[in-house]
Amino acid sequence: MLVLPDTMLALANDRRRELLAEADRERLLTSARRARKALAVRGQPGGTLAPCEPSAAVPAQ
């Protein structure tokens, strides 16, 4: 099978563009996951210790 040099170059360039687009998508997805994870961690307490504030419950008299 004979493949012309121009056709081979076009195929190589297409493949390169596909690989670059895939890498960009992966970077974007990783960035979005990190941002979502950072927001989730930021909204929760850092450990399992009880809060320092006194309880809001008042004993009945």
N, C-alpha and C. Protein backbone atom coordinates (compact mmCIF):
# COMPACT_ATOMS: atom_id res chain seq x y z
N MET A 1 0.85 -1.18 0.00
CA MET A 1 0.00 0.00 0.00
C MET A 1 0.89 1.24 0.00
N LEU A 2 0.60 2.15 -0.87
CA LEU A 2 1.39 3.36 -1.02
C LEU A 2 0.71 4.50 -0.27
N VAL A 3 1.46 5.14 0.62
CA VAL A 3 0.93 6.29 1.36
C VAL A 3 1.75 7.51 0.95
N LEU A 4 1.08 8.51 0.48
CA LEU A 4 1.75 9.73 0.06
C LEU A 4 2.30 10.48 1.26
N PRO A 5 3.42 11.15 1.11
CA PRO A 5 4.00 11.90 2.23
C PRO A 5 3.06 12.95 2.82
N ASP A 6 2.30 13.61 1.96
CA ASP A 6 1.36 14.62 2.46
C ASP A 6 0.28 13.98 3.33
N THR A 7 -0.21 12.82 2.91
CA THR A 7 -1.22 12.10 3.68
C THR A 7 -0.65 11.65 5.02
N MET A 8 0.58 11.15 5.00
CA MET A 8 1.22 10.70 6.23
C MET A 8 1.43 11.87 7.19
N LEU A 9 1.83 13.02 6.67
CA LEU A 9 2.02 14.21 7.50
C LEU A 9 0.68 14.68 8.09
N ALA A 10 -0.36 14.65 7.29
CA ALA A 10 -1.69 15.05 7.77
C ALA A 10 -2.16 14.12 8.88
N LEU A 11 -1.95 12.81 8.72
CA LEU A 11 -2.33 11.85 9.76
C LEU A 11 -1.54 12.09 11.04
N ALA A 12 -0.25 12.33 10.89
CA ALA A 12 0.58 12.58 12.07
C ALA A 12 0.15 13.85 12.79
N ASN A 13 -0.16 14.89 12.04
CA ASN A 13 -0.62 16.14 12.65
C ASN A 13 -1.97 15.97 13.34
N ASP A 14 -2.88 15.22 12.72
CA ASP A 14 -4.18 14.96 13.35
C ASP A 14 -4.01 14.21 14.67
N ARG A 15 -3.16 13.22 14.65
CA ARG A 15 -2.93 12.43 15.87
C ARG A 15 -2.32 13.30 16.96
N ARG A 16 -1.39 14.16 16.57
CA ARG A 16 -0.75 15.05 17.55
C ARG A 16 -1.80 15.98 18.16
N ARG A 17 -2.69 16.52 17.31
CA ARG A 17 -3.75 17.39 17.83
C ARG A 17 -4.68 16.64 18.78
N GLU A 18 -4.99 15.40 18.46
CA GLU A 18 -5.83 14.59 19.34
C GLU A 18 -5.16 14.37 20.69
N LEU A 19 -3.87 14.07 20.67
CA LEU A 19 -3.14 13.84 21.93
C LEU A 19 -3.08 15.11 22.76
N LEU A 20 -2.86 16.25 22.12
CA LEU A 20 -2.83 17.52 22.85
C LEU A 20 -4.19 17.85 23.44
N ALA A 21 -5.25 17.62 22.68
CA ALA A 21 -6.60 17.88 23.18
C ALA A 21 -6.93 16.97 24.36
N GLU A 22 -6.51 15.72 24.28
CA GLU A 22 -6.75 14.79 25.38
C GLU A 22 -6.00 15.22 26.63
N ALA A 23 -4.76 15.67 26.47
CA ALA A 23 -3.98 16.14 27.61
C ALA A 23 -4.61 17.39 28.22
N ASP A 24 -5.12 18.29 27.39
CA ASP A 24 -5.80 19.49 27.89
C ASP A 24 -7.05 19.13 28.68
N ARG A 25 -7.82 18.19 28.15
CA ARG A 25 -9.03 17.75 28.88
C ARG A 25 -8.66 17.15 30.22
N GLU A 26 -7.60 16.34 30.25
CA GLU A 26 -7.18 15.70 31.50
C GLU A 26 -6.72 16.76 32.52
N ARG A 27 -5.96 17.76 32.04
CA ARG A 27 -5.52 18.82 32.94
C ARG A 27 -6.70 19.61 33.49
N LEU A 28 -7.67 19.89 32.64
CA LEU A 28 -8.85 20.63 33.08
C LEU A 28 -9.66 19.83 34.09
N LEU A 29 -9.83 18.55 33.82
CA LEU A 29 -10.57 17.69 34.74
C LEU A 29 -9.85 17.57 36.08
N THR A 30 -8.55 17.42 36.06
CA THR A 30 -7.78 17.35 37.30
C THR A 30 -7.89 18.64 38.09
N SER A 31 -7.82 19.76 37.40
CA SER A 31 -7.96 21.06 38.06
C SER A 31 -9.34 21.22 38.70
N ALA A 32 -10.36 20.81 37.99
CA ALA A 32 -11.73 20.90 38.52
C ALA A 32 -11.90 19.99 39.74
N ARG A 33 -11.32 18.80 39.68
CA ARG A 33 -11.41 17.88 40.83
C ARG A 33 -10.72 18.47 42.04
N ARG A 34 -9.53 19.04 41.84
CA ARG A 34 -8.80 19.65 42.97
C ARG A 34 -9.57 20.81 43.56
N ALA A 35 -10.17 21.64 42.70
CA ALA A 35 -10.94 22.78 43.19
C ALA A 35 -12.15 22.31 43.98
N ARG A 36 -12.84 21.30 43.49
CA ARG A 36 -14.00 20.77 44.20
C ARG A 36 -13.59 20.17 45.53
N LYS A 37 -12.48 19.45 45.54
CA LYS A 37 -12.00 18.83 46.77
C LYS A 37 -11.59 19.90 47.79
N ALA A 38 -10.95 20.97 47.32
CA ALA A 38 -10.54 22.05 48.21
C ALA A 38 -11.75 22.73 48.84
N LEU A 39 -12.81 22.92 48.05
CA LEU A 39 -14.03 23.53 48.59
C LEU A 39 -14.68 22.61 49.62
N ALA A 40 -14.68 21.32 49.36
CA ALA A 40 -15.29 20.38 50.30
C ALA A 40 -14.51 20.32 51.60
N VAL A 41 -13.20 20.34 51.52
CA VAL A 41 -12.36 20.28 52.72
C VAL A 41 -12.46 21.58 53.50
N ARG A 42 -12.54 22.70 52.80
CA ARG A 42 -12.59 24.00 53.45
C ARG A 42 -13.87 24.16 54.27
N GLY A 43 -14.95 23.54 53.86
CA GLY A 43 -16.22 23.70 54.55
C GLY A 43 -16.39 22.78 55.75
N GLN A 44 -15.48 21.86 55.99
CA GLN A 44 -15.61 20.91 57.09
C GLN A 44 -14.51 21.13 58.11
N PRO A 45 -14.77 20.76 59.36
CA PRO A 45 -13.73 20.88 60.38
C PRO A 45 -12.54 19.97 60.05
N GLY A 46 -11.38 20.35 60.55
CA GLY A 46 -10.18 19.62 60.21
C GLY A 46 -9.97 18.33 60.95
N GLY A 47 -10.65 18.11 62.04
CA GLY A 47 -10.41 16.89 62.80
C GLY A 47 -11.68 16.34 63.41
N THR A 48 -11.48 15.44 64.36
CA THR A 48 -12.63 14.79 65.00
C THR A 48 -12.85 15.32 66.41
N LEU A 49 -12.16 16.40 66.78
CA LEU A 49 -12.33 16.96 68.11
C LEU A 49 -13.68 17.66 68.24
N ALA A 50 -14.18 17.71 69.44
CA ALA A 50 -15.44 18.41 69.69
C ALA A 50 -15.21 19.91 69.55
N PRO A 51 -16.23 20.67 69.20
CA PRO A 51 -16.06 22.10 69.07
C PRO A 51 -15.75 22.74 70.43
N CYS A 52 -15.05 23.86 70.41
CA CYS A 52 -14.66 24.55 71.63
C CYS A 52 -15.80 25.36 72.23
N GLU A 53 -16.79 25.70 71.43
CA GLU A 53 -17.89 26.49 71.92
C GLU A 53 -18.80 25.68 72.83
N PRO A 54 -19.37 26.33 73.86
CA PRO A 54 -20.33 25.60 74.71
C PRO A 54 -21.57 25.23 73.93
N SER A 55 -22.25 24.21 74.36
CA SER A 55 -23.44 23.77 73.69
C SER A 55 -24.54 24.79 73.80
N ALA A 56 -25.39 24.87 72.81
CA ALA A 56 -26.50 25.82 72.80
C ALA A 56 -27.68 25.33 73.63
N ALA A 57 -27.65 24.07 74.03
CA ALA A 57 -28.75 23.51 74.81
C ALA A 57 -28.70 24.07 76.24
N VAL A 58 -29.84 24.51 76.73
CA VAL A 58 -29.93 25.03 78.08
C VAL A 58 -30.75 24.07 78.92
N PRO A 59 -30.25 23.70 80.10
CA PRO A 59 -31.02 22.77 80.93
C PRO A 59 -32.37 23.38 81.36
N ALA A 60 -33.38 22.56 81.43
CA ALA A 60 -34.72 23.01 81.85
C ALA A 60 -34.72 23.28 83.35
N GLN A 61 -35.45 24.31 83.75
CA GLN A 61 -35.51 24.65 85.19
C GLN A 61 -36.88 24.46 85.74
